[in-house]
Amino acid sequence: MAATCSIPKYLAPPASNTTGSGGRERPSARAGEGGKVSLPAVPDTAGTKVLVVGDVMLDRYWFGDVSRISPEAPVPVVLMERSEDRPGGAANVARNARALGARVSLLAVVGEDEAAGALARLLAQEGVTASLHRDPSLHTTIKLRVIGRQQQLLRVDFETRPTREVLQAKLDEYRELVLGHDLVVLSDYDKGGLTDVGDMVRIAREAGKPVLVDPKGEDFARYAGATLVTPNRGELRGAIGRWQDEEDLRGRVEALCARCDIGALLLTRSEEGMSLYHGERVTHEAARAREVYDVSGAGDTVIATLAVMLAGGCDPVAAMRLANHAAGIVVGKLGTATVSLEELRAAV
């Protein structure tokens, strides 16, 4: 295990970064503050190849109108008007990467059920090459959201965990798929699809492929060797505890990276934007959202944008800025959604 927070050459910070004493970037040099900031150009992504692996799910929406409260219990009565299915979890990461112009392969486990068929059809429509290993004992994960008057009223989850036999078959295919892609994204929703995440990181790094991880849970050692992890505040707090201030946070993140051999960490901070910790440097980016409508799947958009921009040749700070901008666009849409390459280019 590394003694310090190692920085793969792939994620080395650009030489132009503003630094203070000790080589650290001054906390006041925030990328998204101080008026209008020139954003990096969006690269050509047509030739990039991204492999997404993780927990997939079907995001199912029931839309209706609420006009009264039930006489049976103090709950609203929703008169159903329409339903809609969208790819969720790792499948949403894949469709976001595809929307940004990358060639995307998705590797995951689903059941032998209606939801799996719906997910396969949706991914095909999005242009994602999906290898969905079928597990007859598994119920494909569904997140059912009931929407009334443009507000989420209820969410119901259906899920079971995959069997070892199917997971092994998926891992065997993963060894082959890694070789044909520029970069790997591991999307962990703790549904069992990334039981072998340690092996997956190792296999990718041995093949010379960068690995981006959207983590889940408190044990970041599971992702040892990852190029970059992208926790939100709650996930990071579970791994390092509560911090007192920015300096305390930076020290805890550096210790976590060193202990778990993680190359860099991007912390998503909702209304506070993002912070990229790479080595002893930290770069902050203020939030870009003009209006927050729905945060569902925003983390998927962030890691997908990071992956495609890095694979397209951006340095990590530029990729973070573009990912932050993409997140600001997607939270203005209802439900799990994507940001197109055209939208991102128009915004910057």
Protein backbone atom coordinates (compact mmCIF):
# COMPACT_ATOMS: atom_id res chain seq x y z
CA MET A 1 0.00 0.00 0.00
CA ALA A 2 1.29 3.47 -0.86
CA ALA A 3 2.88 5.54 1.88
CA THR A 4 1.61 8.79 0.34
CA CYS A 5 -1.34 9.77 -1.80
CA SER A 6 0.13 8.77 -5.13
CA ILE A 7 -0.90 10.66 -8.26
CA PRO A 8 -1.00 8.65 -11.47
CA LYS A 9 0.48 10.60 -14.38
CA TYR A 10 -3.00 10.49 -15.89
CA LEU A 11 -4.27 12.67 -13.03
CA ALA A 12 -1.25 14.91 -12.45
CA PRO A 13 -2.45 18.48 -11.86
CA PRO A 14 -1.58 20.98 -14.59
CA ALA A 15 1.50 23.11 -14.08
CA SER A 16 -0.55 26.32 -14.35
CA ASN A 17 -2.42 25.71 -11.07
CA THR A 18 -2.00 28.52 -8.55
CA THR A 19 -0.05 27.34 -5.54
CA GLY A 20 0.78 28.72 -2.16
CA SER A 21 3.37 27.73 0.42
CA GLY A 22 4.35 24.09 0.44
CA GLY A 23 3.13 23.63 -3.14
CA ARG A 24 -0.53 23.66 -2.10
CA GLU A 25 -3.12 25.56 -4.05
CA ARG A 26 -4.36 28.61 -2.16
CA PRO A 27 -7.86 27.93 -0.79
CA SER A 28 -8.92 31.37 -2.04
CA ALA A 29 -8.12 30.43 -5.64
CA ARG A 30 -11.51 28.91 -6.31
CA ALA A 31 -12.15 28.02 -9.93
CA GLY A 32 -15.82 28.98 -9.93
CA GLU A 33 -15.70 32.25 -7.97
CA GLY A 34 -14.81 35.86 -8.66
CA GLY A 35 -17.17 36.60 -11.54
CA LYS A 36 -17.26 35.04 -14.98
CA VAL A 37 -14.75 32.21 -15.35
CA SER A 38 -13.46 30.93 -18.67
CA LEU A 39 -14.31 27.26 -18.89
CA PRO A 40 -12.16 24.77 -20.80
CA ALA A 41 -13.19 23.79 -24.30
CA VAL A 42 -15.18 20.59 -24.62
CA PRO A 43 -12.90 18.08 -26.41
CA ASP A 44 -13.72 15.84 -29.33
CA THR A 45 -15.18 12.73 -27.71
CA ALA A 46 -16.16 10.70 -30.75
CA GLY A 47 -13.23 8.30 -30.48
CA THR A 48 -13.38 7.72 -26.73
CA LYS A 49 -14.31 4.28 -25.41
CA VAL A 50 -15.71 3.99 -21.89
CA LEU A 51 -16.57 0.79 -20.03
CA VAL A 52 -19.18 1.15 -17.28
CA VAL A 53 -19.66 -1.64 -14.73
CA GLY A 54 -21.92 -1.68 -11.71
CA ASP A 55 -25.41 -1.86 -10.29
CA VAL A 56 -28.08 -1.16 -12.88
CA MET A 57 -31.70 -0.41 -12.16
CA LEU A 58 -34.88 0.69 -13.85
CA ASP A 59 -36.13 4.11 -12.78
CA ARG A 60 -39.90 3.91 -13.17
CA TYR A 61 -42.05 7.02 -12.87
CA TRP A 62 -45.80 7.19 -12.30
CA PHE A 63 -47.11 10.66 -13.08
CA GLY A 64 -50.52 11.82 -11.94
CA ASP A 65 -52.63 14.57 -10.46
CA VAL A 66 -53.35 15.12 -6.78
CA SER A 67 -56.70 16.70 -5.94
CA ARG A 68 -57.64 15.28 -2.56
CA ILE A 69 -56.50 13.48 0.58
CA SER A 70 -57.48 9.85 1.14
CA PRO A 71 -60.27 9.26 3.68
CA GLU A 72 -58.45 6.07 4.73
CA ALA A 73 -55.20 7.76 5.84
CA PRO A 74 -53.65 11.25 5.72
CA VAL A 75 -52.02 10.65 2.33
CA PRO A 76 -52.64 12.20 -1.10
CA VAL A 77 -54.66 10.33 -3.71
CA VAL A 78 -52.88 10.31 -7.07
CA LEU A 79 -54.96 9.87 -10.21
CA MET A 80 -52.57 8.14 -12.61
CA GLU A 81 -52.07 9.80 -15.99
CA ARG A 82 -48.94 8.24 -17.48
CA SER A 83 -45.84 6.19 -16.69
CA GLU A 84 -42.26 6.39 -17.91
CA ASP A 85 -39.18 4.16 -17.60
CA ARG A 86 -35.57 5.36 -17.66
CA PRO A 87 -32.22 3.59 -17.16
CA GLY A 88 -30.90 4.13 -13.62
CA GLY A 89 -27.76 3.51 -11.57
CA ALA A 90 -24.82 2.35 -13.67
CA ALA A 91 -27.17 2.32 -16.67
CA ASN A 92 -27.72 6.04 -16.19
CA VAL A 93 -23.96 6.57 -16.04
CA ALA A 94 -23.66 4.72 -19.34
CA ARG A 95 -26.39 6.73 -21.08
CA ASN A 96 -24.86 9.97 -19.82
CA ALA A 97 -21.46 9.01 -21.22
CA ARG A 98 -23.10 8.06 -24.50
CA ALA A 99 -24.97 11.38 -24.66
CA LEU A 100 -21.58 13.09 -24.46
CA GLY A 101 -20.40 11.31 -27.59
CA ALA A 102 -18.38 8.41 -26.19
CA ARG A 103 -18.67 4.83 -27.37
CA VAL A 104 -19.98 3.09 -24.27
CA SER A 105 -20.14 -0.52 -23.12
CA LEU A 106 -22.12 -1.50 -20.03
CA LEU A 107 -21.56 -4.70 -18.04
CA ALA A 108 -24.09 -5.64 -15.36
CA VAL A 109 -26.38 -8.29 -13.88
CA VAL A 110 -30.18 -8.26 -14.21
CA GLY A 111 -33.00 -10.72 -13.63
CA GLU A 112 -35.14 -12.70 -16.04
CA ASP A 113 -38.09 -10.35 -15.81
CA GLU A 114 -40.05 -7.55 -17.43
CA ALA A 115 -37.84 -4.84 -15.94
CA ALA A 116 -34.71 -6.40 -17.46
CA GLY A 117 -36.32 -6.41 -20.88
CA ALA A 118 -37.37 -2.79 -20.52
CA LEU A 119 -33.86 -1.82 -19.45
CA ALA A 120 -32.29 -3.63 -22.40
CA ARG A 121 -34.62 -1.87 -24.85
CA LEU A 122 -33.97 1.55 -23.37
CA LEU A 123 -30.19 1.09 -23.46
CA ALA A 124 -30.33 -0.04 -27.08
CA GLN A 125 -32.34 3.08 -27.94
CA GLU A 126 -29.68 5.21 -26.23
CA GLY A 127 -26.91 3.59 -28.29
CA VAL A 128 -25.25 1.84 -25.33
CA THR A 129 -23.71 -1.59 -25.98
CA ALA A 130 -25.04 -3.52 -23.00
CA SER A 131 -23.94 -6.95 -21.81
CA LEU A 132 -26.58 -7.84 -19.24
CA HIS A 133 -25.95 -11.15 -17.50
CA ARG A 134 -29.29 -12.76 -16.60
CA ASP A 135 -29.76 -14.22 -13.12
CA PRO A 136 -33.07 -16.15 -12.82
CA SER A 137 -32.99 -15.80 -9.03
CA LEU A 138 -32.68 -12.03 -9.20
CA HIS A 139 -35.37 -9.38 -9.39
CA THR A 140 -34.04 -6.53 -11.49
CA THR A 141 -33.75 -3.49 -9.25
CA ILE A 142 -36.61 -1.03 -9.74
CA LYS A 143 -36.96 2.39 -8.16
CA LEU A 144 -40.59 3.38 -8.53
CA ARG A 145 -41.31 7.06 -8.00
CA VAL A 146 -44.82 8.50 -7.78
CA ILE A 147 -44.95 12.09 -9.04
CA GLY A 148 -47.85 14.46 -8.43
CA ARG A 149 -47.89 18.11 -9.48
CA GLN A 150 -44.20 17.87 -10.41
CA GLN A 151 -43.28 16.73 -6.89
CA GLN A 152 -42.05 13.29 -5.82
CA LEU A 153 -44.57 11.89 -3.35
CA LEU A 154 -43.25 8.38 -2.79
CA ARG A 155 -40.46 5.99 -3.79
CA VAL A 156 -40.76 2.21 -3.67
CA ASP A 157 -37.69 -0.01 -4.21
CA PHE A 158 -37.62 -3.60 -5.48
CA GLU A 159 -34.26 -5.38 -5.27
CA THR A 160 -32.38 -8.62 -4.57
CA ARG A 161 -28.67 -9.47 -4.83
CA PRO A 162 -27.09 -11.57 -7.63
CA THR A 163 -25.66 -15.06 -7.20
CA ARG A 164 -21.94 -15.89 -7.11
CA GLU A 165 -22.14 -17.93 -10.32
CA VAL A 166 -23.47 -15.05 -12.40
CA LEU A 167 -21.01 -12.60 -10.83
CA GLN A 168 -18.11 -14.87 -11.80
CA ALA A 169 -19.32 -15.02 -15.40
CA LYS A 170 -19.50 -11.23 -15.43
CA LEU A 171 -15.96 -10.94 -14.03
CA ASP A 172 -14.66 -13.29 -16.72
CA GLU A 173 -16.18 -11.10 -19.43
CA TYR A 174 -14.84 -7.98 -17.73
CA ARG A 175 -11.25 -9.23 -18.16
CA GLU A 176 -11.78 -9.21 -21.91
CA LEU A 177 -13.77 -5.98 -22.20
CA VAL A 178 -11.25 -3.89 -20.29
CA LEU A 179 -8.65 -4.29 -23.02
CA GLY A 180 -10.83 -2.61 -25.65
CA HIS A 181 -11.63 0.57 -23.70
CA ASP A 182 -9.81 3.76 -22.74
CA LEU A 183 -11.20 4.06 -19.24
CA VAL A 184 -13.33 2.15 -16.72
CA VAL A 185 -16.13 3.53 -14.53
CA LEU A 186 -17.30 1.45 -11.56
CA SER A 187 -20.70 2.59 -10.30
CA ASP A 188 -21.40 1.17 -6.83
CA TYR A 189 -24.94 1.34 -5.47
CA ASP A 190 -24.38 -1.52 -3.00
CA LYS A 191 -26.79 -3.86 -4.80
CA GLY A 192 -24.21 -6.65 -5.15
CA GLY A 193 -23.11 -6.03 -8.72
CA LEU A 194 -19.64 -4.90 -7.62
CA THR A 195 -18.88 -7.66 -5.15
CA ASP A 196 -15.59 -8.19 -7.03
CA VAL A 197 -14.70 -4.49 -7.19
CA GLY A 198 -11.18 -5.03 -5.82
CA ASP A 199 -10.39 -7.51 -8.57
CA MET A 200 -11.91 -5.19 -11.17
CA VAL A 201 -9.73 -2.27 -10.14
CA ARG A 202 -6.63 -4.47 -10.15
CA ILE A 203 -7.37 -5.97 -13.56
CA ALA A 204 -7.94 -2.56 -15.12
CA ARG A 205 -4.80 -1.02 -13.64
CA GLU A 206 -2.69 -4.00 -14.73
CA ALA A 207 -4.03 -3.34 -18.23
CA GLY A 208 -3.01 0.31 -17.93
CA LYS A 209 -6.56 1.65 -17.79
CA PRO A 210 -7.62 4.48 -15.46
CA VAL A 211 -10.44 3.55 -13.08
CA LEU A 212 -13.06 6.00 -11.81
CA VAL A 213 -15.25 4.85 -8.91
CA ASP A 214 -18.53 6.23 -7.60
CA PRO A 215 -18.29 4.69 -4.11
CA LYS A 216 -20.81 3.41 -1.61
CA GLY A 217 -20.31 2.61 2.05
CA GLU A 218 -17.61 3.49 4.56
CA ASP A 219 -14.84 1.10 3.44
CA PHE A 220 -12.92 2.90 0.69
CA ALA A 221 -10.15 0.29 0.97
CA ARG A 222 -12.38 -1.81 -1.31
CA TYR A 223 -11.39 0.58 -4.10
CA ALA A 224 -7.62 0.39 -3.49
CA GLY A 225 -5.71 1.33 -6.63
CA ALA A 226 -8.50 3.46 -8.11
CA THR A 227 -7.41 6.46 -10.14
CA LEU A 228 -10.22 8.67 -8.85
CA VAL A 229 -13.21 8.28 -6.50
CA THR A 230 -16.23 10.62 -6.45
CA PRO A 231 -18.03 10.52 -3.08
CA ASN A 232 -20.67 13.01 -1.99
CA ARG A 233 -20.46 14.64 1.43
CA GLY A 234 -22.42 11.93 3.22
CA GLU A 235 -20.36 9.13 1.71
CA LEU A 236 -17.08 10.84 2.53
CA ARG A 237 -18.21 11.61 6.08
CA GLY A 238 -18.89 7.91 6.59
CA ALA A 239 -15.32 7.12 5.53
CA ILE A 240 -13.36 9.84 7.36
CA GLY A 241 -15.70 11.20 10.04
CA ARG A 242 -16.84 14.78 10.53
CA TRP A 243 -14.38 17.52 9.72
CA GLN A 244 -13.98 20.87 11.48
CA ASP A 245 -12.90 23.08 8.58
CA GLU A 246 -11.39 22.95 5.10
CA GLU A 247 -7.86 22.35 6.36
CA ASP A 248 -9.04 19.46 8.53
CA LEU A 249 -10.98 18.05 5.58
CA ARG A 250 -7.93 18.23 3.32
CA GLY A 251 -5.78 16.41 5.86
CA ARG A 252 -8.37 13.68 6.31
CA VAL A 253 -8.76 13.21 2.55
CA GLU A 254 -5.00 12.99 2.04
CA ALA A 255 -4.79 10.38 4.80
CA LEU A 256 -7.65 8.40 3.25
CA CYS A 257 -6.01 8.43 -0.19
CA ALA A 258 -2.70 7.31 1.29
CA ARG A 259 -4.27 4.58 3.40
CA CYS A 260 -6.41 3.23 0.55
CA ASP A 261 -3.97 3.86 -2.34
CA ILE A 262 -6.42 6.13 -4.18
CA GLY A 263 -4.96 8.51 -6.74
CA ALA A 264 -7.37 11.43 -6.37
CA LEU A 265 -10.73 12.27 -4.85
CA LEU A 266 -13.50 14.49 -6.19
CA LEU A 267 -15.94 15.56 -3.48
CA THR A 268 -19.38 16.62 -4.72
CA ARG A 269 -20.82 19.19 -2.31
CA SER A 270 -24.31 20.03 -3.64
CA GLU A 271 -24.86 23.78 -3.33
CA GLU A 272 -21.18 24.24 -2.42
CA GLY A 273 -19.96 22.84 -5.74
CA MET A 274 -17.03 20.42 -5.95
CA SER A 275 -13.52 19.97 -4.59
CA LEU A 276 -10.79 17.98 -6.32
CA TYR A 277 -8.07 16.60 -4.03
CA HIS A 278 -5.04 15.42 -5.98
CA GLY A 279 -1.86 14.89 -4.04
CA GLU A 280 -1.35 17.89 -1.78
CA ARG A 281 -3.37 20.12 -4.09
CA VAL A 282 -7.03 20.97 -3.81
CA THR A 283 -9.09 22.81 -6.41
CA HIS A 284 -12.57 24.12 -5.59
CA GLU A 285 -15.34 24.81 -8.08
CA ALA A 286 -18.50 26.70 -7.11
CA ALA A 287 -21.92 25.24 -7.96
CA ARG A 288 -23.25 26.09 -11.43
CA ALA A 289 -26.95 25.27 -11.10
CA ARG A 290 -29.32 28.16 -11.76
CA GLU A 291 -32.40 26.26 -10.62
CA VAL A 292 -32.46 22.90 -8.84
CA TYR A 293 -35.45 20.87 -9.98
CA ASP A 294 -34.40 17.27 -9.28
CA VAL A 295 -31.04 15.96 -8.00
CA SER A 296 -31.80 12.33 -8.94
CA GLY A 297 -28.87 10.91 -10.89
CA ALA A 298 -26.72 14.04 -10.67
CA GLY A 299 -23.81 11.97 -9.36
CA ASP A 300 -24.14 9.70 -12.39
CA THR A 301 -23.85 12.71 -14.69
CA VAL A 302 -20.78 13.93 -12.82
CA ILE A 303 -18.78 10.70 -13.08
CA ALA A 304 -19.88 10.11 -16.67
CA THR A 305 -18.75 13.59 -17.68
CA LEU A 306 -15.45 13.18 -15.84
CA ALA A 307 -14.83 9.88 -17.60
CA VAL A 308 -15.57 11.14 -21.10
CA MET A 309 -13.64 14.40 -20.67
CA LEU A 310 -10.59 12.63 -19.21
CA ALA A 311 -10.69 10.03 -21.97
CA GLY A 312 -10.98 12.90 -24.44
CA GLY A 313 -7.73 14.45 -23.21
CA CYS A 314 -8.80 16.96 -20.54
CA ASP A 315 -6.65 17.41 -17.47
CA PRO A 316 -8.44 16.58 -14.19
CA VAL A 317 -9.21 20.19 -13.25
CA ALA A 318 -10.71 20.93 -16.66
CA ALA A 319 -12.71 17.69 -16.49
CA MET A 320 -14.02 18.66 -13.04
CA ARG A 321 -15.13 22.08 -14.28
CA LEU A 322 -17.00 20.57 -17.20
CA ALA A 323 -18.56 17.90 -14.95
CA ASN A 324 -19.69 20.61 -12.56
CA HIS A 325 -21.30 22.48 -15.42
CA ALA A 326 -23.02 19.31 -16.63
CA ALA A 327 -24.38 18.70 -13.13
CA GLY A 328 -25.76 22.24 -13.07
CA ILE A 329 -27.67 21.49 -16.26
CA VAL A 330 -29.01 18.07 -15.29
CA VAL A 331 -30.45 19.10 -11.90
CA GLY A 332 -32.72 21.47 -13.82
CA LYS A 333 -34.44 18.45 -15.40
CA LEU A 334 -37.04 16.13 -13.87
CA GLY A 335 -35.84 12.64 -12.93
CA THR A 336 -32.72 10.83 -14.06
CA ALA A 337 -31.62 12.65 -17.20
CA THR A 338 -28.65 13.30 -19.47
CA VAL A 339 -26.70 16.27 -20.77
CA SER A 340 -25.89 16.23 -24.45
CA LEU A 341 -22.58 17.29 -25.94
CA GLU A 342 -24.42 20.15 -27.65
CA GLU A 343 -25.92 21.37 -24.35
CA LEU A 344 -22.55 21.31 -22.65
CA ARG A 345 -20.81 23.13 -25.48
CA ALA A 346 -23.55 25.77 -25.61
CA ALA A 347 -23.27 26.31 -21.86
CA VAL A 348 -19.52 26.87 -21.85
